């Protein structure tokens, strides 16, 4: 049975499928991790008429070329085989969220205004340590811009804004509401226009401005939500707040991901034997959500706001901690078991190390197990006439670790009443097709899929090389043991010489 036939049959029992049938959708952030999954899901599971993607020309590549690159991602392969004409349903809109009106041409804007019924705004900078002025431009100014575009749309039924579960970390319990005390978005934008960026972006000034927020990302995402309240007017807005988004659970491909953000950097570093120490609190909840969960929730939430309009802006906390929690200590154990089950190619050292609950101990271990070996390896590379790279790799790794430390050493509880209520309103078909219920996720199985996905999709290592990788990893195990024995003998003799 073809993909189209399956969708036709499903639509009869699917309120969500029926809603999207024949409608056009506009997506910002489509070239990002979550954006690609959203595009694939809409094309595969609905009979959406047209999907318009805001795409910025990059490095001399035309927008159409970037669209073709996006659609060449592995997650679209099966879809293109079953629906050869799928590209006819996707159209690139040349634009840039940093420009006035996103830099959209008059003709493209006219098409969007006349044709679009649903908007998904997921474009943002997700760098935790982004310069304040840049973060404000991407995460706050862009929200005002997309709202102005939406207000012109004649058929608009739903506007889905992708935020973050961490935009209110000043509270330990976070409700499904937009908090009013997160600052004045217009005032911050004006400040960024008037003041010298070098002053605003200095660590001291940035810290004073963001106040009780841990970084510019959470600060500006909170301001973005405030902008929705102040300027949203009568727009049919809904907010999706995912926590830490990781690899796909079931779709489009189990374990699929494409970057080293968040915990994936830890998985990759540990898998290659480079990462030996991480600062976190083992008993704290690691609030991870597979990427298909917030995507399915966003698609369902658009249907909900369109079919049941609300005066207040509905907020959906897309988190796992209150439904199916996993702790950082469990993640450490499961992750290491999975890394040994699916070893990566050419590991530099036998995967090992541990989490540290003391910041000082972690810093000492970073120096001993990361920095010193990196300098030694770069020195050897320099003497052999090769390019030294390990010090730079370790510095980047430490910077990435520092960015997530706040989230790995603290814990929050999120209400999810709106999510549960929405799930109960779905038909049986919609619950299966647009699943966002994490209650039956098996964490050990998923972590194994996550590690395998990191190997397969991030490092592009074919599964056929697993046996060879296991042999190499076993060899590195004995190299490590031999080195430990040598060091034990050397330090034993040194101790005897000094004190006996």
Protein backbone atom coordinates (compact mmCIF):
# COMPACT_ATOMS: atom_id res chain seq x y z
CA UNK A 1 0.00 0.00 0.00
CA UNK A 2 1.35 3.42 -0.97
CA UNK A 3 1.99 6.16 1.58
CA UNK A 4 -0.83 8.27 0.08
CA UNK A 5 -3.31 5.37 0.40
CA UNK A 6 -2.36 4.86 4.03
CA UNK A 7 -2.93 8.56 4.75
CA UNK A 8 -6.28 8.57 2.93
CA UNK A 9 -7.48 5.62 4.98
CA UNK A 10 -6.14 7.10 8.23
CA UNK A 11 -7.76 10.51 7.68
CA UNK A 12 -11.23 8.99 8.14
CA UNK A 13 -10.46 8.30 11.81
CA UNK A 14 -7.98 11.13 12.36
CA UNK A 15 -9.14 14.55 13.45
CA UNK A 16 -5.58 15.85 13.07
CA UNK A 17 -5.18 14.32 9.62
CA UNK A 18 -8.48 15.80 8.48
CA UNK A 19 -7.46 19.23 9.81
CA UNK A 20 -4.21 19.37 7.83
CA UNK A 21 -5.63 17.91 4.61
CA UNK A 22 -5.47 20.46 1.82
CA UNK A 23 -3.90 23.18 4.01
CA UNK A 24 -0.61 25.03 3.60
CA UNK A 25 1.98 25.36 6.36
CA UNK A 26 4.83 27.86 6.87
CA UNK A 27 7.87 26.78 8.91
CA UNK A 28 10.84 28.77 10.18
CA UNK A 29 13.89 26.86 11.40
CA UNK A 30 13.26 24.02 8.94
CA UNK A 31 16.98 23.45 8.36
CA UNK A 32 17.54 22.72 12.06
CA UNK A 33 17.33 19.37 13.86
CA UNK A 34 13.74 19.71 15.04
CA UNK A 35 12.71 21.51 11.85
CA UNK A 36 13.73 18.61 9.59
CA UNK A 37 11.76 16.14 11.72
CA UNK A 38 8.71 18.43 11.59
CA UNK A 39 8.87 18.71 7.79
CA UNK A 40 9.25 14.95 7.35
CA UNK A 41 6.39 14.17 9.74
CA UNK A 42 3.95 16.57 8.08
CA UNK A 43 4.75 15.22 4.62
CA UNK A 44 4.58 11.58 5.71
CA UNK A 45 1.60 11.58 8.06
CA UNK A 46 -0.73 14.27 6.67
CA UNK A 47 -2.11 15.30 3.28
CA UNK A 48 -0.87 18.84 3.74
CA UNK A 49 -1.13 20.71 0.42
CA UNK A 50 2.07 22.77 0.63
CA UNK A 51 4.90 23.24 3.11
CA UNK A 52 6.68 26.61 2.78
CA UNK A 53 10.13 26.67 4.38
CA UNK A 54 11.96 29.88 5.25
CA UNK A 55 15.54 29.20 4.12
CA UNK A 56 18.50 31.55 4.20
CA UNK A 57 21.05 31.43 1.36
CA UNK A 58 24.33 30.28 2.89
CA UNK A 59 27.97 30.24 1.79
CA UNK A 60 27.10 31.14 -1.78
CA UNK A 61 24.41 28.44 -2.06
CA UNK A 62 21.06 29.48 -3.49
CA UNK A 63 17.93 28.82 -1.45
CA UNK A 64 16.76 26.08 -3.83
CA UNK A 65 20.09 24.27 -3.47
CA UNK A 66 19.80 24.42 0.32
CA UNK A 67 16.27 23.01 0.05
CA UNK A 68 17.58 20.11 -2.01
CA UNK A 69 20.33 19.56 0.59
CA UNK A 70 17.71 19.55 3.37
CA UNK A 71 15.55 17.03 1.52
CA UNK A 72 18.59 14.83 0.86
CA UNK A 73 18.83 14.01 4.59
CA UNK A 74 18.52 10.29 5.30
CA UNK A 75 15.19 10.71 7.08
CA UNK A 76 13.51 11.64 3.77
CA UNK A 77 14.71 8.58 1.82
CA UNK A 78 11.79 6.29 2.60
CA UNK A 79 9.31 9.11 2.03
CA UNK A 80 10.75 9.93 -1.40
CA UNK A 81 10.61 6.26 -2.38
CA UNK A 82 6.93 5.91 -1.44
CA UNK A 83 5.92 9.39 -2.67
CA UNK A 84 8.18 10.33 -5.62
CA UNK A 85 6.35 13.64 -6.08
CA UNK A 86 6.88 14.76 -2.47
CA UNK A 87 9.16 17.62 -3.53
CA UNK A 88 6.21 19.23 -5.32
CA UNK A 89 4.62 19.80 -1.90
CA UNK A 90 7.67 21.63 -0.52
CA UNK A 91 8.65 25.16 -1.48
CA UNK A 92 11.56 27.30 -0.29
CA UNK A 93 10.97 30.90 0.71
CA UNK A 94 14.12 32.98 0.49
CA UNK A 95 14.62 34.82 3.79
CA UNK A 96 16.61 35.47 6.95
CA UNK A 97 15.11 35.87 10.44
CA UNK A 98 17.65 38.59 11.28
CA UNK A 99 16.31 40.90 8.57
CA UNK A 100 13.30 43.22 8.48
CA UNK A 101 10.20 41.18 7.60
CA UNK A 102 12.61 38.20 7.40
CA UNK A 103 13.83 39.61 4.08
CA UNK A 104 10.86 37.98 2.32
CA UNK A 105 10.09 39.34 -1.14
CA UNK A 106 6.74 40.98 -1.86
CA UNK A 107 5.69 38.12 -4.11
CA UNK A 108 6.56 35.44 -1.54
CA UNK A 109 4.79 37.40 1.19
CA UNK A 110 1.68 37.67 -0.96
CA UNK A 111 1.65 33.88 -1.42
CA UNK A 112 2.08 33.27 2.31
CA UNK A 113 -0.63 35.77 3.22
CA UNK A 114 -3.10 34.23 0.78
CA UNK A 115 -2.32 30.54 1.30
CA UNK A 116 -0.97 29.68 4.78
CA UNK A 117 -3.22 28.26 7.52
CA UNK A 118 -0.65 27.00 10.05
CA UNK A 119 2.67 28.53 11.12
CA UNK A 120 5.43 26.77 13.10
CA UNK A 121 8.11 29.14 14.40
CA UNK A 122 11.10 27.07 15.52
CA UNK A 123 13.94 29.27 14.23
CA UNK A 124 16.22 30.38 17.07
CA UNK A 125 19.77 30.29 18.31
CA UNK A 126 20.16 27.41 20.75
CA UNK A 127 23.71 28.30 21.78
CA UNK A 128 23.71 28.75 25.55
CA UNK A 129 26.66 31.15 25.43
CA UNK A 130 25.48 33.24 22.47
CA UNK A 131 26.27 36.99 22.60
CA UNK A 132 23.36 38.83 24.19
CA UNK A 133 22.74 41.13 21.21
CA UNK A 134 22.67 38.23 18.75
CA UNK A 135 20.43 36.12 21.01
CA UNK A 136 17.99 39.04 21.36
CA UNK A 137 17.89 39.50 17.59
CA UNK A 138 17.30 35.81 16.86
CA UNK A 139 15.06 34.85 19.80
CA UNK A 140 13.11 38.04 20.53
CA UNK A 141 13.07 40.40 17.52
CA UNK A 142 12.22 37.44 15.27
CA UNK A 143 9.15 36.68 17.41
CA UNK A 144 7.79 40.19 16.82
CA UNK A 145 8.51 39.81 13.09
CA UNK A 146 6.75 36.46 12.70
CA UNK A 147 3.72 37.84 14.56
CA UNK A 148 3.49 40.78 12.15
CA UNK A 149 3.60 38.37 9.23
CA UNK A 150 0.97 36.14 10.84
CA UNK A 151 -1.39 39.09 11.39
CA UNK A 152 -1.53 39.56 7.61
CA UNK A 153 -2.42 35.93 6.87
CA UNK A 154 -6.01 35.60 5.72
CA UNK A 155 -6.44 31.88 6.47
CA UNK A 156 -4.38 31.58 9.66
CA UNK A 157 -5.82 29.03 12.11
CA UNK A 158 -2.80 28.19 14.27
CA UNK A 159 0.57 29.72 15.17
CA UNK A 160 2.88 27.34 17.06
CA UNK A 161 5.84 28.91 18.86
CA UNK A 162 8.62 26.53 19.94
CA UNK A 163 10.10 27.75 23.23
CA UNK A 164 12.02 25.86 25.94
CA UNK A 165 11.08 24.26 29.24
CA UNK A 166 14.04 26.10 30.79
CA UNK A 167 12.92 29.69 30.25
CA UNK A 168 11.68 29.99 33.88
CA UNK A 169 14.48 28.29 35.81
CA UNK A 170 14.15 30.85 38.63
CA UNK A 171 11.27 28.64 39.81
CA UNK A 172 11.63 25.03 40.92
CA UNK A 173 8.06 24.21 39.87
CA UNK A 174 7.09 25.48 36.42
CA UNK A 175 3.46 25.67 35.35
CA UNK A 176 1.99 25.67 31.86
CA UNK A 177 1.64 29.41 31.68
CA UNK A 178 3.62 32.40 30.45
CA UNK A 179 5.11 34.14 33.47
CA UNK A 180 4.75 37.93 33.56
CA UNK A 181 7.99 38.77 35.37
CA UNK A 182 10.56 37.82 32.74
CA UNK A 183 11.38 41.35 31.60
CA UNK A 184 10.32 43.81 28.94
CA UNK A 185 11.15 42.51 25.45
CA UNK A 186 10.70 45.90 23.78
CA UNK A 187 12.93 47.57 26.38
CA UNK A 188 15.69 44.98 25.87
CA UNK A 189 15.49 45.36 22.09
CA UNK A 190 15.81 49.15 22.43
CA UNK A 191 18.76 48.70 24.78
CA UNK A 192 20.51 46.49 22.22
CA UNK A 193 19.95 49.13 19.54
CA UNK A 194 21.26 52.03 21.63
CA UNK A 195 24.26 50.52 23.41
CA UNK A 196 27.61 49.39 22.05
CA UNK A 197 27.41 45.61 21.44
CA UNK A 198 30.91 45.10 22.86
CA UNK A 199 29.70 46.57 26.17
CA UNK A 200 26.43 44.61 26.26
CA UNK A 201 28.14 41.36 25.32
CA UNK A 202 30.83 41.65 28.00
CA UNK A 203 30.38 38.92 30.64
CA UNK A 204 29.83 41.43 33.45
CA UNK A 205 27.17 43.49 31.67
CA UNK A 206 25.41 40.42 30.24
CA UNK A 207 25.26 38.86 33.70
CA UNK A 208 23.68 42.01 35.14
CA UNK A 209 21.06 42.15 32.39
CA UNK A 210 19.99 38.48 32.41
CA UNK A 211 19.75 38.49 36.22
CA UNK A 212 18.52 35.17 37.60
CA UNK A 213 18.68 33.37 34.26
CA UNK A 214 21.63 30.98 33.70
CA UNK A 215 22.45 32.15 30.16
CA UNK A 216 21.38 34.33 27.24
CA UNK A 217 19.46 31.46 25.64
CA UNK A 218 16.96 30.95 28.48
CA UNK A 219 16.75 34.72 29.04
CA UNK A 220 15.84 35.53 25.44
CA UNK A 221 13.48 32.58 25.06
CA UNK A 222 11.59 33.87 28.10
CA UNK A 223 11.47 37.34 26.53
CA UNK A 224 10.15 35.74 23.35
CA UNK A 225 7.22 34.32 25.30
CA UNK A 226 6.57 37.73 26.86
CA UNK A 227 6.49 39.20 23.35
CA UNK A 228 3.70 36.78 22.44
CA UNK A 229 1.59 38.11 25.30
CA UNK A 230 2.25 41.79 24.63
CA UNK A 231 1.83 41.76 20.84
CA UNK A 232 0.01 38.54 20.03
CA UNK A 233 -3.39 40.18 20.00
CA UNK A 234 -6.02 37.82 18.60
CA UNK A 235 -3.55 35.45 16.95
CA UNK A 236 -4.26 31.72 17.57
CA UNK A 237 -0.97 31.19 19.43
CA UNK A 238 0.17 28.03 21.20
CA UNK A 239 3.53 27.51 22.94
CA UNK A 240 5.49 24.22 23.01
CA UNK A 241 8.21 23.95 25.67
CA UNK A 242 10.49 20.94 25.15
CA UNK A 243 13.21 20.19 27.71
CA UNK A 244 16.50 18.61 26.51
CA UNK A 245 15.79 17.35 22.98
CA UNK A 246 17.76 14.25 21.98
CA UNK A 247 17.69 11.53 19.30
CA UNK A 248 14.50 10.16 17.77
CA UNK A 249 12.67 7.41 19.64
CA UNK A 250 10.53 5.82 16.92
CA UNK A 251 10.39 8.20 13.97
CA UNK A 252 11.50 9.23 11.44
CA UNK A 253 14.37 6.78 12.14
CA UNK A 254 15.12 5.34 15.60
CA UNK A 255 18.20 7.10 16.99
CA UNK A 256 18.32 9.73 14.26
CA UNK A 257 20.13 12.99 15.12
CA UNK A 258 22.57 15.27 13.35
CA UNK A 259 24.50 17.38 15.85
CA UNK A 260 26.57 17.20 19.04
CA UNK A 261 24.40 19.55 21.12
CA UNK A 262 23.61 18.82 24.76
CA UNK A 263 24.10 15.27 26.05
CA UNK A 264 25.01 14.03 22.56
CA UNK A 265 28.40 15.70 22.97
CA UNK A 266 28.92 13.68 26.15
CA UNK A 267 27.88 10.46 24.40
CA UNK A 268 30.22 11.18 21.49
CA UNK A 269 33.16 12.20 23.67
CA UNK A 270 32.78 9.20 25.97
CA UNK A 271 32.29 6.87 23.01
CA UNK A 272 35.54 7.99 21.41
CA UNK A 273 37.38 7.60 24.73
CA UNK A 274 38.20 11.32 24.95
CA UNK A 275 35.75 12.33 27.67
CA UNK A 276 36.75 10.97 31.10
CA UNK A 277 34.96 13.25 33.55
CA UNK A 278 31.67 15.17 33.73
CA UNK A 279 30.37 17.43 36.50
CA UNK A 280 26.79 16.59 37.43
CA UNK A 281 24.59 15.42 40.29
CA UNK A 282 23.70 11.76 39.84
CA UNK A 283 20.42 11.95 41.78
CA UNK A 284 19.05 14.87 39.75
CA UNK A 285 16.57 14.11 36.98
CA UNK A 286 17.92 14.32 33.44
CA UNK A 287 14.87 15.67 31.62
CA UNK A 288 15.41 14.28 28.14
CA UNK A 289 12.79 14.11 25.37
CA UNK A 290 13.26 12.29 22.04
CA UNK A 291 12.80 14.72 19.14
CA UNK A 292 9.68 13.00 17.77
CA UNK A 293 7.78 13.78 21.00
CA UNK A 294 7.74 17.62 20.81
CA UNK A 295 7.20 17.45 17.03
CA UNK A 296 4.10 15.28 17.37
CA UNK A 297 2.89 17.47 20.23
CA UNK A 298 3.35 20.64 18.15
CA UNK A 299 1.37 19.16 15.25
CA UNK A 300 -1.43 18.09 17.61
CA UNK A 301 -1.43 21.42 19.48
CA UNK A 302 -1.96 23.31 16.21
CA UNK A 303 -5.09 21.22 15.55
CA UNK A 304 -6.30 21.86 19.11
CA UNK A 305 -5.97 25.68 19.00
CA UNK A 306 -7.60 25.78 15.56
CA UNK A 307 -10.55 23.61 16.56
CA UNK A 308 -10.94 25.00 20.09
CA UNK A 309 -9.80 28.66 20.16
CA UNK A 310 -8.62 30.04 23.50
CA UNK A 311 -8.46 33.58 24.88
CA UNK A 312 -5.32 32.75 26.87
CA UNK A 313 -2.22 31.37 25.16
CA UNK A 314 -2.07 27.59 25.79
CA UNK A 315 1.33 26.33 26.94
CA UNK A 316 2.48 22.71 26.74
CA UNK A 317 5.44 21.63 28.89
CA UNK A 318 6.99 18.81 26.87
CA UNK A 319 9.09 17.07 29.52
CA UNK A 320 9.76 13.54 30.76
CA UNK A 321 10.57 14.01 34.46
CA UNK A 322 7.01 13.90 35.78
CA UNK A 323 5.96 11.02 33.51
CA UNK A 324 8.93 8.69 33.08
CA UNK A 325 11.99 10.07 34.90
CA UNK A 326 15.61 9.10 34.36
CA UNK A 327 18.41 10.37 36.60
CA UNK A 328 21.87 11.45 35.50
CA UNK A 329 23.39 8.53 37.42
CA UNK A 330 21.20 6.09 35.50
CA UNK A 331 22.15 7.82 32.26
CA UNK A 332 25.82 7.31 33.15
CA UNK A 333 25.36 3.55 33.71
CA UNK A 334 23.07 2.96 30.73
CA UNK A 335 25.21 5.12 28.47
CA UNK A 336 28.44 3.29 29.25
CA UNK A 337 26.74 -0.10 28.72
CA UNK A 338 25.42 1.09 25.35
CA UNK A 339 28.83 2.50 24.32
CA UNK A 340 30.39 -0.90 24.96
CA UNK A 341 27.58 -2.62 23.05
CA UNK A 342 27.97 -0.28 20.07
CA UNK A 343 31.65 0.78 20.17
CA UNK A 344 32.74 3.58 17.87
CA UNK A 345 35.47 3.34 15.28
CA UNK A 346 39.09 4.23 16.09
CA UNK A 347 38.56 5.12 19.74
CA UNK A 348 41.50 7.11 21.10
CA UNK A 349 41.30 5.39 24.48
CA UNK A 350 39.17 2.72 26.13
CA UNK A 351 35.80 4.35 27.03
CA UNK A 352 35.60 5.00 30.74
CA UNK A 353 35.73 7.72 33.35
CA UNK A 354 32.87 8.83 35.56
CA UNK A 355 30.62 11.67 36.66
CA UNK A 356 31.96 13.91 39.42
CA UNK A 357 29.70 15.57 41.99
CA UNK A 358 32.42 18.01 43.05
CA UNK A 359 33.22 20.91 40.73
CA UNK A 360 36.77 21.09 42.10
CA UNK A 361 37.41 17.36 41.62
CA UNK A 362 36.01 17.57 38.10
CA UNK A 363 38.35 20.48 37.26
CA UNK A 364 41.36 18.51 38.56
CA UNK A 365 40.30 15.44 36.56
CA UNK A 366 39.82 17.56 33.44
CA UNK A 367 43.38 18.79 33.79
CA UNK A 368 44.83 15.30 34.35
CA UNK A 369 42.71 13.23 31.94
CA UNK A 370 41.81 15.77 29.24
CA UNK A 371 44.19 18.71 29.00
CA UNK A 372 47.54 17.05 29.78
CA UNK A 373 47.03 14.13 27.32
CA UNK A 374 45.86 16.64 24.69
CA UNK A 375 49.02 18.72 25.05
CA UNK A 376 51.15 15.57 24.92
CA UNK A 377 49.40 14.32 21.77
CA UNK A 378 49.70 17.73 20.08
CA UNK A 379 53.39 17.91 20.97
CA UNK A 380 53.94 14.50 19.37
CA UNK A 381 51.93 15.57 16.32
CA UNK A 382 54.02 18.73 16.00
CA UNK A 383 57.28 16.76 16.19
CA UNK A 384 55.97 14.36 13.50
CA UNK A 385 55.07 17.26 11.21
CA UNK A 386 51.31 16.80 11.63
CA UNK A 387 48.70 19.39 12.52
CA UNK A 388 48.05 19.54 16.32
CA UNK A 389 44.28 19.48 16.98
CA UNK A 390 43.63 17.77 20.33
CA UNK A 391 44.05 20.85 22.53
CA UNK A 392 41.45 22.68 20.48
CA UNK A 393 39.12 19.66 20.61
CA UNK A 394 39.43 19.44 24.40
CA UNK A 395 38.87 23.18 24.83
CA UNK A 396 35.67 22.96 22.78
CA UNK A 397 34.60 19.91 24.78
CA UNK A 398 35.14 21.76 28.07
CA UNK A 399 33.19 24.76 26.79
CA UNK A 400 30.28 22.50 25.82
CA UNK A 401 30.41 20.74 29.19
CA UNK A 402 30.34 24.09 31.00
CA UNK A 403 27.21 25.10 29.10
CA UNK A 404 25.17 22.11 30.32
CA UNK A 405 26.54 21.95 33.88
CA UNK A 406 23.75 24.17 35.23
CA UNK A 407 21.12 21.77 33.88
CA UNK A 408 22.98 18.68 35.09
CA UNK A 409 23.37 19.95 38.67
CA UNK A 410 19.85 21.35 39.19
CA UNK A 411 16.35 19.94 38.97
CA UNK A 412 12.89 21.29 38.18
CA UNK A 413 9.36 19.95 38.16
CA UNK A 414 7.03 20.87 35.31
CA UNK A 415 3.26 20.66 35.25
CA UNK A 416 1.95 18.79 32.21
CA UNK A 417 -1.84 18.96 32.67
CA UNK A 418 -2.37 20.49 29.22
CA UNK A 419 -0.30 17.77 27.57
CA UNK A 420 -2.25 15.00 29.32
CA UNK A 421 -5.59 16.63 28.53
CA UNK A 422 -4.69 16.97 24.85
CA UNK A 423 -3.61 13.33 24.68
CA UNK A 424 -6.99 12.22 26.07
CA UNK A 425 -8.82 14.23 23.40
CA UNK A 426 -7.10 12.41 20.54
CA UNK A 427 -8.66 9.54 18.65
CA UNK A 428 -6.97 6.14 18.86
CA UNK A 429 -5.57 6.67 15.35
CA UNK A 430 -4.15 10.08 16.29
CA UNK A 431 -2.56 8.70 19.46
CA UNK A 432 -0.68 6.17 17.37
CA UNK A 433 0.16 8.50 14.48
CA UNK A 434 1.09 11.57 16.54
CA UNK A 435 2.31 9.95 19.73
CA UNK A 436 3.69 12.25 22.43
CA UNK A 437 3.16 9.95 25.43
CA UNK A 438 6.49 8.99 27.02
CA UNK A 439 5.06 6.69 29.69
CA UNK A 440 6.00 3.49 27.84
CA UNK A 441 9.49 4.55 26.78
CA UNK A 442 12.05 2.02 28.00
CA UNK A 443 15.11 4.09 28.92
CA UNK A 444 17.83 1.38 28.67
CA UNK A 445 16.57 0.43 25.20
CA UNK A 446 16.32 4.06 24.11
CA UNK A 447 19.79 4.98 25.39
CA UNK A 448 21.19 2.06 23.37
CA UNK A 449 19.36 3.38 20.28
CA UNK A 450 20.65 6.89 21.09
CA UNK A 451 24.29 5.73 21.26
CA UNK A 452 23.92 3.66 18.09
CA UNK A 453 22.36 6.69 16.39
CA UNK A 454 25.27 8.90 17.44
CA UNK A 455 27.64 6.39 15.90
CA UNK A 456 25.56 5.93 12.75
CA UNK A 457 24.24 9.42 11.98
CA UNK A 458 26.69 11.86 13.61
CA UNK A 459 29.97 10.03 12.97
CA UNK A 460 28.65 8.35 9.78
CA UNK A 461 30.02 4.98 10.91
CA UNK A 462 28.37 2.02 9.21
CA UNK A 463 27.05 -0.73 11.47
CA UNK A 464 29.03 -3.27 9.41
CA UNK A 465 32.20 -2.02 11.15
CA UNK A 466 31.00 -2.97 14.65
CA UNK A 467 33.09 -6.17 14.87
CA UNK A 468 36.23 -4.34 13.83
CA UNK A 469 35.44 -1.54 16.30
CA UNK A 470 34.98 -4.08 19.11
CA UNK A 471 38.40 -5.61 18.38
CA UNK A 472 40.02 -2.16 18.46
CA UNK A 473 38.22 -1.25 21.70
CA UNK A 474 39.31 -4.53 23.31
CA UNK A 475 42.89 -3.75 22.28
CA UNK A 476 42.62 -0.31 23.88
CA UNK A 477 41.32 -1.98 27.07
CA UNK A 478 44.54 -3.98 27.40
CA UNK A 479 46.66 -0.96 26.49
CA UNK A 480 44.97 0.91 29.33
CA UNK A 481 45.54 -1.96 31.78
CA UNK A 482 49.19 -2.27 30.81
CA UNK A 483 49.69 1.46 31.29
CA UNK A 484 47.99 1.29 34.69
CA UNK A 485 50.34 -1.52 35.74
CA UNK A 486 53.40 0.44 34.55
CA UNK A 487 52.24 3.56 36.40
CA UNK A 488 51.54 1.51 39.54
CA UNK A 489 55.08 0.09 39.47
CA UNK A 490 56.67 3.49 38.77
CA UNK A 491 54.75 5.26 41.55
CA UNK A 492 55.38 2.32 43.89
CA UNK A 493 59.12 2.56 43.35
CA UNK A 494 59.01 6.35 43.70
CA UNK A 495 57.09 6.01 46.98
CA UNK A 496 59.58 3.42 48.26
CA UNK A 497 62.53 5.62 47.29
CA UNK A 498 61.06 8.66 49.06
CA UNK A 499 59.76 7.09 52.26
CA UNK A 500 61.58 3.79 52.83
